[in-house]
Amino acid sequence: MSVSTLRPLGDVVYARSGDKGGNANIGLWVPAAHPDALVDWLLETVTVEWVRELLPEAKSLEIELIPLRNLRGVNIVIQGILGAGVAEGVRFDPQAKALGEWIRSRHVAIPERLLA
């Protein structure tokens, strides 16, 4: 059994996010300086349920995950999180530029063996 510790996801993962109309796109990846085992952990950990837990505002929205093992990451598309898009502007972040940093700030259980 692996021992985990709660840490900000951003301690081990980078992110970039943005919008396409009313949809948000979040790319998460493990920097090359970190071990390949951390990539495996990320790809196993990122599920639709996990995204909904970390981003409660996406709880009832359609979420698509695109694993990108060769890029050491995963792409997350959240349908409709921005409503009608940037022109509607009802969110604090109408272009979804901060969603990547928001998810990186969330504390998650990371196996201690992967932290170094």
C-alpha atoms as a PDB file:
ATOM      1  CA  MET A   1       0.000   0.000   0.000  1.00  0.00           C
ATOM      2  CA  SER A   2       1.234   3.405  -0.978  1.00  0.00           C
ATOM      3  CA  VAL A   3       1.394   6.231   1.547  1.00  0.00           C
ATOM      4  CA  SER A   4       0.066   9.539   0.205  1.00  0.00           C
ATOM      5  CA  THR A   5       0.225  13.092   1.385  1.00  0.00           C
ATOM      6  CA  LEU A   6      -2.109  15.997   0.618  1.00  0.00           C
ATOM      7  CA  ARG A   7      -0.298  18.588  -1.476  1.00  0.00           C
ATOM      8  CA  PRO A   8      -1.282  21.191  -4.061  1.00  0.00           C
ATOM      9  CA  LEU A   9      -1.476  19.495  -7.445  1.00  0.00           C
ATOM     10  CA  GLY A  10       0.733  22.304  -8.742  1.00  0.00           C
ATOM     11  CA  ASP A  11       3.662  20.942  -6.730  1.00  0.00           C
ATOM     12  CA  VAL A  12       4.064  18.248  -9.419  1.00  0.00           C
ATOM     13  CA  VAL A  13       1.941  19.313 -12.403  1.00  0.00           C
ATOM     14  CA  TYR A  14       1.926  22.288 -14.751  1.00  0.00           C
ATOM     15  CA  ALA A  15      -1.235  23.600 -16.444  1.00  0.00           C
ATOM     16  CA  ARG A  16      -2.460  25.809 -19.236  1.00  0.00           C
ATOM     17  CA  SER A  17      -6.087  26.656 -19.839  1.00  0.00           C
ATOM     18  CA  GLY A  18      -8.298  28.695 -22.108  1.00  0.00           C
ATOM     19  CA  ASP A  19     -11.602  28.745 -23.930  1.00  0.00           C
ATOM     20  CA  LYS A  20     -13.280  27.847 -27.182  1.00  0.00           C
ATOM     21  CA  GLY A  21     -16.711  29.471 -27.125  1.00  0.00           C
ATOM     22  CA  GLY A  22     -18.488  28.275 -23.995  1.00  0.00           C
ATOM     23  CA  ASN A  23     -16.092  25.379 -23.413  1.00  0.00           C
ATOM     24  CA  ALA A  24     -12.961  25.350 -21.292  1.00  0.00           C
ATOM     25  CA  ASN A  25      -9.797  23.489 -22.158  1.00  0.00           C
ATOM     26  CA  ILE A  26      -7.291  22.567 -19.431  1.00  0.00           C
ATOM     27  CA  GLY A  27      -3.985  20.888 -20.198  1.00  0.00           C
ATOM     28  CA  LEU A  28      -2.180  19.229 -17.281  1.00  0.00           C
ATOM     29  CA  TRP A  29       1.317  17.820 -17.670  1.00  0.00           C
ATOM     30  CA  VAL A  30       4.240  16.549 -15.658  1.00  0.00           C
ATOM     31  CA  PRO A  31       7.495  18.442 -16.293  1.00  0.00           C
ATOM     32  CA  ALA A  32      10.368  16.384 -17.716  1.00  0.00           C
ATOM     33  CA  ALA A  33      12.347  16.843 -14.470  1.00  0.00           C
ATOM     34  CA  HIS A  34       9.856  14.582 -12.674  1.00  0.00           C
ATOM     35  CA  PRO A  35       9.890  10.763 -12.983  1.00  0.00           C
ATOM     36  CA  ASP A  36       7.802   8.890 -15.561  1.00  0.00           C
ATOM     37  CA  ALA A  37       5.982   7.213 -12.659  1.00  0.00           C
ATOM     38  CA  LEU A  38       4.395  10.593 -11.923  1.00  0.00           C
ATOM     39  CA  VAL A  39       2.993  10.660 -15.471  1.00  0.00           C
ATOM     40  CA  ASP A  40       1.471   7.224 -14.848  1.00  0.00           C
ATOM     41  CA  TRP A  41      -0.046   8.500 -11.596  1.00  0.00           C
ATOM     42  CA  LEU A  42      -1.496  11.590 -13.319  1.00  0.00           C
ATOM     43  CA  LEU A  43      -3.088   9.560 -16.118  1.00  0.00           C
ATOM     44  CA  GLU A  44      -4.554   7.074 -13.618  1.00  0.00           C
ATOM     45  CA  THR A  45      -5.765   9.815 -11.267  1.00  0.00           C
ATOM     46  CA  VAL A  46      -7.459  12.188 -13.692  1.00  0.00           C
ATOM     47  CA  THR A  47     -10.980  10.866 -14.162  1.00  0.00           C
ATOM     48  CA  VAL A  48     -14.228  12.666 -14.891  1.00  0.00           C
ATOM     49  CA  GLU A  49     -15.241  12.163 -11.234  1.00  0.00           C
ATOM     50  CA  TRP A  50     -11.907  13.556 -10.013  1.00  0.00           C
ATOM     51  CA  VAL A  51     -12.309  16.687 -12.174  1.00  0.00           C
ATOM     52  CA  ARG A  52     -15.836  17.189 -10.846  1.00  0.00           C
ATOM     53  CA  GLU A  53     -14.549  16.885  -7.286  1.00  0.00           C
ATOM     54  CA  LEU A  54     -11.782  19.454  -7.822  1.00  0.00           C
ATOM     55  CA  LEU A  55     -13.954  21.808  -9.887  1.00  0.00           C
ATOM     56  CA  PRO A  56     -17.412  21.759  -8.293  1.00  0.00           C
ATOM     57  CA  GLU A  57     -18.655  24.293 -10.847  1.00  0.00           C
ATOM     58  CA  ALA A  58     -18.283  21.518 -13.462  1.00  0.00           C
ATOM     59  CA  LYS A  59     -20.293  18.971 -11.471  1.00  0.00           C
ATOM     60  CA  SER A  60     -23.214  18.729 -13.911  1.00  0.00           C
ATOM     61  CA  LEU A  61     -21.306  19.457 -17.128  1.00  0.00           C
ATOM     62  CA  GLU A  62     -19.983  17.112 -19.794  1.00  0.00           C
ATOM     63  CA  ILE A  63     -16.266  16.484 -19.353  1.00  0.00           C
ATOM     64  CA  GLU A  64     -13.995  14.877 -21.918  1.00  0.00           C
ATOM     65  CA  LEU A  65     -10.516  13.561 -21.088  1.00  0.00           C
ATOM     66  CA  ILE A  66      -7.814  13.093 -23.708  1.00  0.00           C
ATOM     67  CA  PRO A  67      -4.737  11.287 -22.350  1.00  0.00           C
ATOM     68  CA  LEU A  68      -1.497  12.453 -23.966  1.00  0.00           C
ATOM     69  CA  ARG A  69       1.111  10.026 -22.639  1.00  0.00           C
ATOM     70  CA  ASN A  70       3.748  11.090 -25.175  1.00  0.00           C
ATOM     71  CA  LEU A  71       3.330  14.686 -23.932  1.00  0.00           C
ATOM     72  CA  ARG A  72       3.361  13.532 -20.293  1.00  0.00           C
ATOM     73  CA  GLY A  73      -0.145  14.809 -19.637  1.00  0.00           C
ATOM     74  CA  VAL A  74      -3.869  14.967 -20.203  1.00  0.00           C
ATOM     75  CA  ASN A  75      -6.225  17.426 -21.847  1.00  0.00           C
ATOM     76  CA  ILE A  76      -9.540  18.172 -20.118  1.00  0.00           C
ATOM     77  CA  VAL A  77     -12.445  19.725 -22.018  1.00  0.00           C
ATOM     78  CA  ILE A  78     -15.390  20.991 -19.960  1.00  0.00           C
ATOM     79  CA  GLN A  79     -18.421  21.637 -22.137  1.00  0.00           C
ATOM     80  CA  GLY A  80     -20.485  24.738 -21.396  1.00  0.00           C
ATOM     81  CA  ILE A  81     -18.663  25.949 -18.273  1.00  0.00           C
ATOM     82  CA  LEU A  82     -18.468  29.449 -19.792  1.00  0.00           C
ATOM     83  CA  GLY A  83     -22.111  29.601 -20.791  1.00  0.00           C
ATOM     84  CA  ALA A  84     -22.430  31.289 -24.172  1.00  0.00           C
ATOM     85  CA  GLY A  85     -18.749  32.263 -24.152  1.00  0.00           C
ATOM     86  CA  VAL A  86     -16.588  35.237 -23.313  1.00  0.00           C
ATOM     87  CA  ALA A  87     -19.133  37.778 -24.555  1.00  0.00           C
ATOM     88  CA  GLU A  88     -21.621  36.585 -21.948  1.00  0.00           C
ATOM     89  CA  GLY A  89     -19.034  37.117 -19.187  1.00  0.00           C
ATOM     90  CA  VAL A  90     -20.891  35.687 -16.157  1.00  0.00           C
ATOM     91  CA  ARG A  91     -17.825  34.000 -14.592  1.00  0.00           C
ATOM     92  CA  PHE A  92     -15.005  35.649 -12.687  1.00  0.00           C
ATOM     93  CA  ASP A  93     -12.759  34.163 -15.395  1.00  0.00           C
ATOM     94  CA  PRO A  94     -14.770  34.468 -18.626  1.00  0.00           C
ATOM     95  CA  GLN A  95     -11.926  33.139 -20.792  1.00  0.00           C
ATOM     96  CA  ALA A  96     -11.007  30.223 -18.486  1.00  0.00           C
ATOM     97  CA  LYS A  97      -7.405  31.460 -18.284  1.00  0.00           C
ATOM     98  CA  ALA A  98      -7.293  30.861 -14.516  1.00  0.00           C
ATOM     99  CA  LEU A  99      -8.879  27.382 -14.473  1.00  0.00           C
ATOM    100  CA  GLY A 100      -5.482  25.721 -14.851  1.00  0.00           C
ATOM    101  CA  GLU A 101      -4.109  27.564 -11.832  1.00  0.00           C
ATOM    102  CA  TRP A 102      -7.317  26.911  -9.887  1.00  0.00           C
ATOM    103  CA  ILE A 103      -6.966  23.150 -10.386  1.00  0.00           C
ATOM    104  CA  ARG A 104      -3.215  23.343  -9.567  1.00  0.00           C
ATOM    105  CA  SER A 105      -4.072  25.037  -6.261  1.00  0.00           C
ATOM    106  CA  ARG A 106      -6.327  22.180  -5.156  1.00  0.00           C
ATOM    107  CA  HIS A 107      -4.898  19.732  -2.623  1.00  0.00           C
ATOM    108  CA  VAL A 108      -4.793  16.117  -3.760  1.00  0.00           C
ATOM    109  CA  ALA A 109      -3.372  12.880  -2.374  1.00  0.00           C
ATOM    110  CA  ILE A 110       0.011  12.343  -4.015  1.00  0.00           C
ATOM    111  CA  PRO A 111       1.964   9.157  -3.283  1.00  0.00           C
ATOM    112  CA  GLU A 112       4.999  10.078  -1.195  1.00  0.00           C
ATOM    113  CA  ARG A 113       7.217   7.791  -3.297  1.00  0.00           C
ATOM    114  CA  LEU A 114       6.661  10.194  -6.222  1.00  0.00           C
ATOM    115  CA  LEU A 115       7.671  13.305  -4.305  1.00  0.00           C
ATOM    116  CA  ALA A 116      11.317  14.150  -4.258  1.00  0.00           C
END
